């Protein structure tokens, strides 16, 4: 196997990364993921902070949970959501840094 062959991604990996970027390309999902950095929030708090209906936020949380970008945990009578792991915020932070650098040019 040549060095170039070892640098190529397999088709499944390419498809999964593409799917990840499609999921996080939605502005509402980006806002939710950003709000969940290092904290757990319930749907009501997220909805209030984003000035959105709870049902709309719940729908987006379901998409993010299915994609394994957020996790849910029962705390008392409500469910609280948090980012699945630090990779999620890292991806967002890299995008934010990139955009802010473009603004400076």
N, C-alpha and C. Protein backbone atom coordinates (compact mmCIF):
# COMPACT_ATOMS: atom_id res chain seq x y z
N UNK A 1 0.85 -1.19 0.00
CA UNK A 1 0.00 0.00 0.00
C UNK A 1 0.89 1.24 0.00
N UNK A 2 0.60 2.17 -0.88
CA UNK A 2 1.39 3.41 -0.96
C UNK A 2 0.94 4.37 0.15
N UNK A 3 1.77 5.39 0.37
CA UNK A 3 1.44 6.40 1.39
C UNK A 3 0.13 7.09 1.04
N UNK A 4 -0.09 7.37 -0.25
CA UNK A 4 -1.33 8.04 -0.67
C UNK A 4 -2.54 7.18 -0.35
N UNK A 5 -2.47 5.86 -0.57
CA UNK A 5 -3.58 4.96 -0.25
C UNK A 5 -3.92 5.00 1.23
N UNK A 6 -2.90 5.11 2.07
CA UNK A 6 -3.15 5.13 3.51
C UNK A 6 -3.77 6.43 3.98
N UNK A 7 -3.69 7.48 3.15
CA UNK A 7 -4.27 8.78 3.52
C UNK A 7 -5.74 8.89 3.14
N UNK A 8 -6.20 8.00 2.30
CA UNK A 8 -7.60 8.05 1.86
C UNK A 8 -8.52 7.54 2.95
N UNK A 9 -9.66 8.17 3.06
CA UNK A 9 -10.67 7.70 4.01
C UNK A 9 -11.54 6.66 3.32
N UNK A 10 -12.02 5.71 4.10
CA UNK A 10 -12.94 4.74 3.52
C UNK A 10 -14.31 5.40 3.33
N UNK A 11 -15.08 4.84 2.44
CA UNK A 11 -16.38 5.43 2.06
C UNK A 11 -17.31 5.59 3.26
N UNK A 12 -17.33 4.63 4.15
CA UNK A 12 -18.22 4.70 5.32
C UNK A 12 -17.85 5.89 6.21
N UNK A 13 -16.56 6.10 6.42
CA UNK A 13 -16.12 7.24 7.24
C UNK A 13 -16.50 8.55 6.57
N UNK A 14 -16.30 8.64 5.28
CA UNK A 14 -16.67 9.86 4.54
C UNK A 14 -18.16 10.14 4.69
N UNK A 15 -18.98 9.11 4.56
CA UNK A 15 -20.43 9.29 4.68
C UNK A 15 -20.83 9.71 6.09
N UNK A 16 -20.21 9.13 7.10
CA UNK A 16 -20.54 9.46 8.49
C UNK A 16 -20.14 10.90 8.84
N UNK A 17 -18.97 11.32 8.37
CA UNK A 17 -18.54 12.71 8.62
C UNK A 17 -19.47 13.68 7.90
N UNK A 18 -19.85 13.35 6.68
CA UNK A 18 -20.78 14.19 5.93
C UNK A 18 -22.10 14.31 6.68
N UNK A 19 -22.58 13.20 7.21
CA UNK A 19 -23.84 13.20 7.97
C UNK A 19 -23.72 14.08 9.23
N UNK A 20 -22.59 13.98 9.91
CA UNK A 20 -22.35 14.80 11.10
C UNK A 20 -22.44 16.28 10.76
N UNK A 21 -21.77 16.69 9.68
CA UNK A 21 -21.79 18.10 9.31
C UNK A 21 -23.17 18.56 8.84
N UNK A 22 -23.92 17.69 8.23
CA UNK A 22 -25.29 18.04 7.85
C UNK A 22 -26.14 18.29 9.10
N UNK A 23 -25.96 17.45 10.10
CA UNK A 23 -26.74 17.59 11.33
C UNK A 23 -26.39 18.89 12.05
N UNK A 24 -25.11 19.20 12.15
CA UNK A 24 -24.74 20.40 12.89
C UNK A 24 -24.79 21.66 12.04
N UNK A 25 -25.21 21.54 10.79
CA UNK A 25 -25.30 22.72 9.92
C UNK A 25 -26.53 23.58 10.21
N UNK A 26 -27.47 23.08 10.99
CA UNK A 26 -28.69 23.81 11.32
C UNK A 26 -28.40 24.86 12.40
N UNK A 27 -28.76 26.12 12.18
CA UNK A 27 -28.47 27.18 13.16
C UNK A 27 -29.05 26.90 14.55
N UNK A 28 -30.24 26.34 14.61
CA UNK A 28 -30.84 26.04 15.92
C UNK A 28 -30.03 24.98 16.65
N UNK A 29 -29.58 23.97 15.94
CA UNK A 29 -28.78 22.92 16.57
C UNK A 29 -27.43 23.45 17.04
N UNK A 30 -26.84 24.35 16.26
CA UNK A 30 -25.58 24.96 16.68
C UNK A 30 -25.80 25.73 17.98
N UNK A 31 -26.87 26.50 18.05
CA UNK A 31 -27.18 27.27 19.26
C UNK A 31 -27.39 26.35 20.46
N UNK A 32 -28.11 25.27 20.26
CA UNK A 32 -28.35 24.31 21.36
C UNK A 32 -27.03 23.72 21.83
N UNK A 33 -26.23 23.25 20.90
CA UNK A 33 -24.95 22.65 21.27
C UNK A 33 -24.06 23.65 21.99
N UNK A 34 -24.05 24.88 21.54
CA UNK A 34 -23.25 25.91 22.19
C UNK A 34 -23.74 26.17 23.61
N UNK A 35 -25.06 26.26 23.78
CA UNK A 35 -25.61 26.49 25.12
C UNK A 35 -25.32 25.33 26.08
N UNK A 36 -25.16 24.14 25.53
CA UNK A 36 -24.92 22.97 26.38
C UNK A 36 -23.45 22.75 26.71
N UNK A 37 -22.60 23.70 26.34
CA UNK A 37 -21.19 23.54 26.67
C UNK A 37 -21.00 23.52 28.18
N UNK A 38 -20.48 22.42 28.66
CA UNK A 38 -20.13 22.24 30.08
C UNK A 38 -21.28 22.47 31.05
N UNK A 39 -22.51 22.27 30.57
CA UNK A 39 -23.64 22.39 31.49
C UNK A 39 -24.80 21.53 31.02
N UNK A 40 -25.66 21.23 31.95
CA UNK A 40 -26.88 20.49 31.65
C UNK A 40 -28.05 21.46 31.73
N UNK A 41 -28.93 21.40 30.73
CA UNK A 41 -30.10 22.27 30.72
C UNK A 41 -31.33 21.47 30.33
N UNK A 42 -32.49 21.87 30.85
CA UNK A 42 -33.72 21.22 30.43
C UNK A 42 -34.30 21.95 29.22
N UNK A 43 -35.31 21.36 28.62
CA UNK A 43 -35.90 21.91 27.41
C UNK A 43 -36.44 23.32 27.65
N UNK A 44 -37.09 23.52 28.77
CA UNK A 44 -37.67 24.83 29.07
C UNK A 44 -36.62 25.93 29.14
N UNK A 45 -35.51 25.64 29.78
CA UNK A 45 -34.43 26.62 29.90
C UNK A 45 -33.82 26.91 28.53
N UNK A 46 -33.61 25.86 27.75
CA UNK A 46 -33.09 26.05 26.39
C UNK A 46 -34.05 26.89 25.55
N UNK A 47 -35.32 26.55 25.61
CA UNK A 47 -36.33 27.27 24.81
C UNK A 47 -36.38 28.74 25.21
N UNK A 48 -36.36 29.00 26.49
CA UNK A 48 -36.40 30.38 26.96
C UNK A 48 -35.16 31.15 26.51
N UNK A 49 -33.99 30.53 26.65
CA UNK A 49 -32.74 31.18 26.26
C UNK A 49 -32.65 31.45 24.77
N UNK A 50 -33.35 30.63 23.98
CA UNK A 50 -33.30 30.77 22.53
C UNK A 50 -34.53 31.49 21.99
N UNK A 51 -35.46 31.84 22.88
CA UNK A 51 -36.71 32.49 22.49
C UNK A 51 -37.46 31.65 21.44
N UNK A 52 -37.62 30.37 21.78
CA UNK A 52 -38.29 29.42 20.89
C UNK A 52 -39.32 28.63 21.67
N UNK A 53 -40.21 27.98 20.95
CA UNK A 53 -41.18 27.09 21.57
C UNK A 53 -40.47 25.82 22.03
N UNK A 54 -40.95 25.27 23.15
CA UNK A 54 -40.35 24.05 23.69
C UNK A 54 -40.45 22.90 22.70
N UNK A 55 -41.54 22.83 21.97
CA UNK A 55 -41.71 21.72 21.02
C UNK A 55 -40.66 21.77 19.91
N UNK A 56 -40.31 22.98 19.46
CA UNK A 56 -39.29 23.12 18.42
C UNK A 56 -37.91 22.71 18.95
N UNK A 57 -37.62 23.11 20.18
CA UNK A 57 -36.35 22.74 20.80
C UNK A 57 -36.30 21.23 21.04
N UNK A 58 -37.40 20.68 21.51
CA UNK A 58 -37.47 19.22 21.73
C UNK A 58 -37.19 18.45 20.45
N UNK A 59 -37.75 18.92 19.35
CA UNK A 59 -37.53 18.26 18.07
C UNK A 59 -36.04 18.27 17.71
N UNK A 60 -35.39 19.40 17.88
CA UNK A 60 -33.97 19.49 17.55
C UNK A 60 -33.12 18.66 18.51
N UNK A 61 -33.52 18.61 19.77
CA UNK A 61 -32.80 17.77 20.72
C UNK A 61 -32.90 16.29 20.34
N UNK A 62 -34.06 15.89 19.84
CA UNK A 62 -34.22 14.50 19.40
C UNK A 62 -33.26 14.18 18.26
N UNK A 63 -33.13 15.10 17.31
CA UNK A 63 -32.19 14.90 16.19
C UNK A 63 -30.76 14.80 16.73
N UNK A 64 -30.40 15.69 17.63
CA UNK A 64 -29.04 15.69 18.19
C UNK A 64 -28.78 14.44 19.03
N UNK A 65 -29.79 13.98 19.74
CA UNK A 65 -29.64 12.77 20.55
C UNK A 65 -29.48 11.54 19.67
N UNK A 66 -30.27 11.46 18.62
CA UNK A 66 -30.17 10.34 17.68
C UNK A 66 -28.78 10.30 17.04
N UNK A 67 -28.22 11.47 16.79
CA UNK A 67 -26.89 11.56 16.20
C UNK A 67 -25.77 11.38 17.24
N UNK A 68 -26.15 11.17 18.48
CA UNK A 68 -25.22 10.98 19.59
C UNK A 68 -24.34 12.21 19.83
N UNK A 69 -24.94 13.38 19.67
CA UNK A 69 -24.25 14.63 19.96
C UNK A 69 -24.65 15.19 21.31
N UNK A 70 -25.84 14.81 21.79
CA UNK A 70 -26.27 15.16 23.14
C UNK A 70 -26.79 13.91 23.83
N UNK A 71 -26.82 14.00 25.15
CA UNK A 71 -27.38 12.91 25.95
C UNK A 71 -28.39 13.50 26.92
N UNK A 72 -29.30 12.66 27.35
CA UNK A 72 -30.36 13.10 28.27
C UNK A 72 -30.26 12.29 29.56
N UNK A 73 -30.59 12.96 30.64
CA UNK A 73 -30.57 12.31 31.95
C UNK A 73 -31.73 12.86 32.77
N UNK A 74 -32.43 11.99 33.44
CA UNK A 74 -33.54 12.43 34.28
C UNK A 74 -32.99 13.00 35.58
N UNK A 75 -33.44 14.22 35.88
CA UNK A 75 -33.12 14.87 37.16
C UNK A 75 -34.44 15.31 37.76
N UNK A 76 -34.85 14.61 38.78
CA UNK A 76 -36.16 14.89 39.37
C UNK A 76 -37.26 14.57 38.39
N UNK A 77 -38.10 15.56 38.12
CA UNK A 77 -39.23 15.35 37.22
C UNK A 77 -38.92 15.72 35.77
N UNK A 78 -37.75 16.26 35.51
CA UNK A 78 -37.47 16.69 34.13
C UNK A 78 -36.22 16.02 33.58
N UNK A 79 -36.09 16.10 32.27
CA UNK A 79 -34.92 15.59 31.58
C UNK A 79 -33.97 16.77 31.36
N UNK A 80 -32.71 16.54 31.62
CA UNK A 80 -31.70 17.55 31.33
C UNK A 80 -30.80 17.01 30.23
N UNK A 81 -30.33 17.91 29.42
CA UNK A 81 -29.51 17.54 28.26
C UNK A 81 -28.13 18.13 28.41
N UNK A 82 -27.16 17.42 27.88
CA UNK A 82 -25.78 17.89 27.86
C UNK A 82 -25.11 17.36 26.61
N UNK A 83 -23.96 17.95 26.27
CA UNK A 83 -23.23 17.44 25.12
C UNK A 83 -22.72 16.04 25.43
N UNK A 84 -22.66 15.22 24.39
CA UNK A 84 -22.22 13.84 24.57
C UNK A 84 -20.78 13.79 25.08
N UNK A 85 -19.91 14.59 24.51
CA UNK A 85 -18.52 14.61 24.94
C UNK A 85 -17.86 15.92 24.49
N UNK A 86 -16.60 16.09 24.83
CA UNK A 86 -15.89 17.33 24.50
C UNK A 86 -15.65 17.51 23.00
N UNK A 87 -15.72 16.43 22.24
CA UNK A 87 -15.51 16.55 20.80
C UNK A 87 -16.55 17.47 20.17
N UNK A 88 -17.76 17.43 20.67
CA UNK A 88 -18.84 18.23 20.11
C UNK A 88 -18.49 19.71 20.21
N UNK A 89 -18.11 20.15 21.40
CA UNK A 89 -17.77 21.56 21.57
C UNK A 89 -16.52 21.92 20.78
N UNK A 90 -15.57 21.00 20.71
CA UNK A 90 -14.34 21.24 19.97
C UNK A 90 -14.63 21.54 18.50
N UNK A 91 -15.54 20.79 17.91
CA UNK A 91 -15.93 21.02 16.51
C UNK A 91 -16.52 22.42 16.36
N UNK A 92 -17.44 22.77 17.26
CA UNK A 92 -18.05 24.11 17.22
C UNK A 92 -17.01 25.21 17.41
N UNK A 93 -16.14 25.01 18.38
CA UNK A 93 -15.14 26.03 18.70
C UNK A 93 -14.22 26.26 17.51
N UNK A 94 -13.83 25.21 16.81
CA UNK A 94 -12.98 25.36 15.63
C UNK A 94 -13.70 26.18 14.56
N UNK A 95 -14.99 25.94 14.37
CA UNK A 95 -15.77 26.72 13.41
C UNK A 95 -15.85 28.18 13.81
N UNK A 96 -16.06 28.44 15.08
CA UNK A 96 -16.15 29.81 15.59
C UNK A 96 -14.81 30.53 15.40
N UNK A 97 -13.72 29.87 15.72
CA UNK A 97 -12.39 30.46 15.53
C UNK A 97 -12.17 30.79 14.06
N UNK A 98 -12.53 29.87 13.20
CA UNK A 98 -12.35 30.06 11.76
C UNK A 98 -13.13 31.29 11.28
N UNK A 99 -14.38 31.39 11.69
CA UNK A 99 -15.22 32.53 11.28
C UNK A 99 -14.68 33.83 11.83
N UNK A 100 -14.27 33.85 13.09
CA UNK A 100 -13.75 35.07 13.69
C UNK A 100 -12.45 35.51 13.01
N UNK A 101 -11.62 34.57 12.57
CA UNK A 101 -10.40 34.93 11.85
C UNK A 101 -10.75 35.56 10.51
N UNK A 102 -11.77 35.06 9.84
CA UNK A 102 -12.20 35.63 8.56
C UNK A 102 -12.70 37.05 8.74
N UNK A 103 -13.37 37.32 9.86
CA UNK A 103 -13.90 38.66 10.13
C UNK A 103 -12.76 39.68 10.29
N UNK A 104 -11.63 39.22 10.80
CA UNK A 104 -10.51 40.11 11.05
C UNK A 104 -9.77 40.49 9.78
N UNK A 105 -9.89 39.66 8.76
CA UNK A 105 -9.17 39.93 7.49
C UNK A 105 -9.79 41.04 6.69
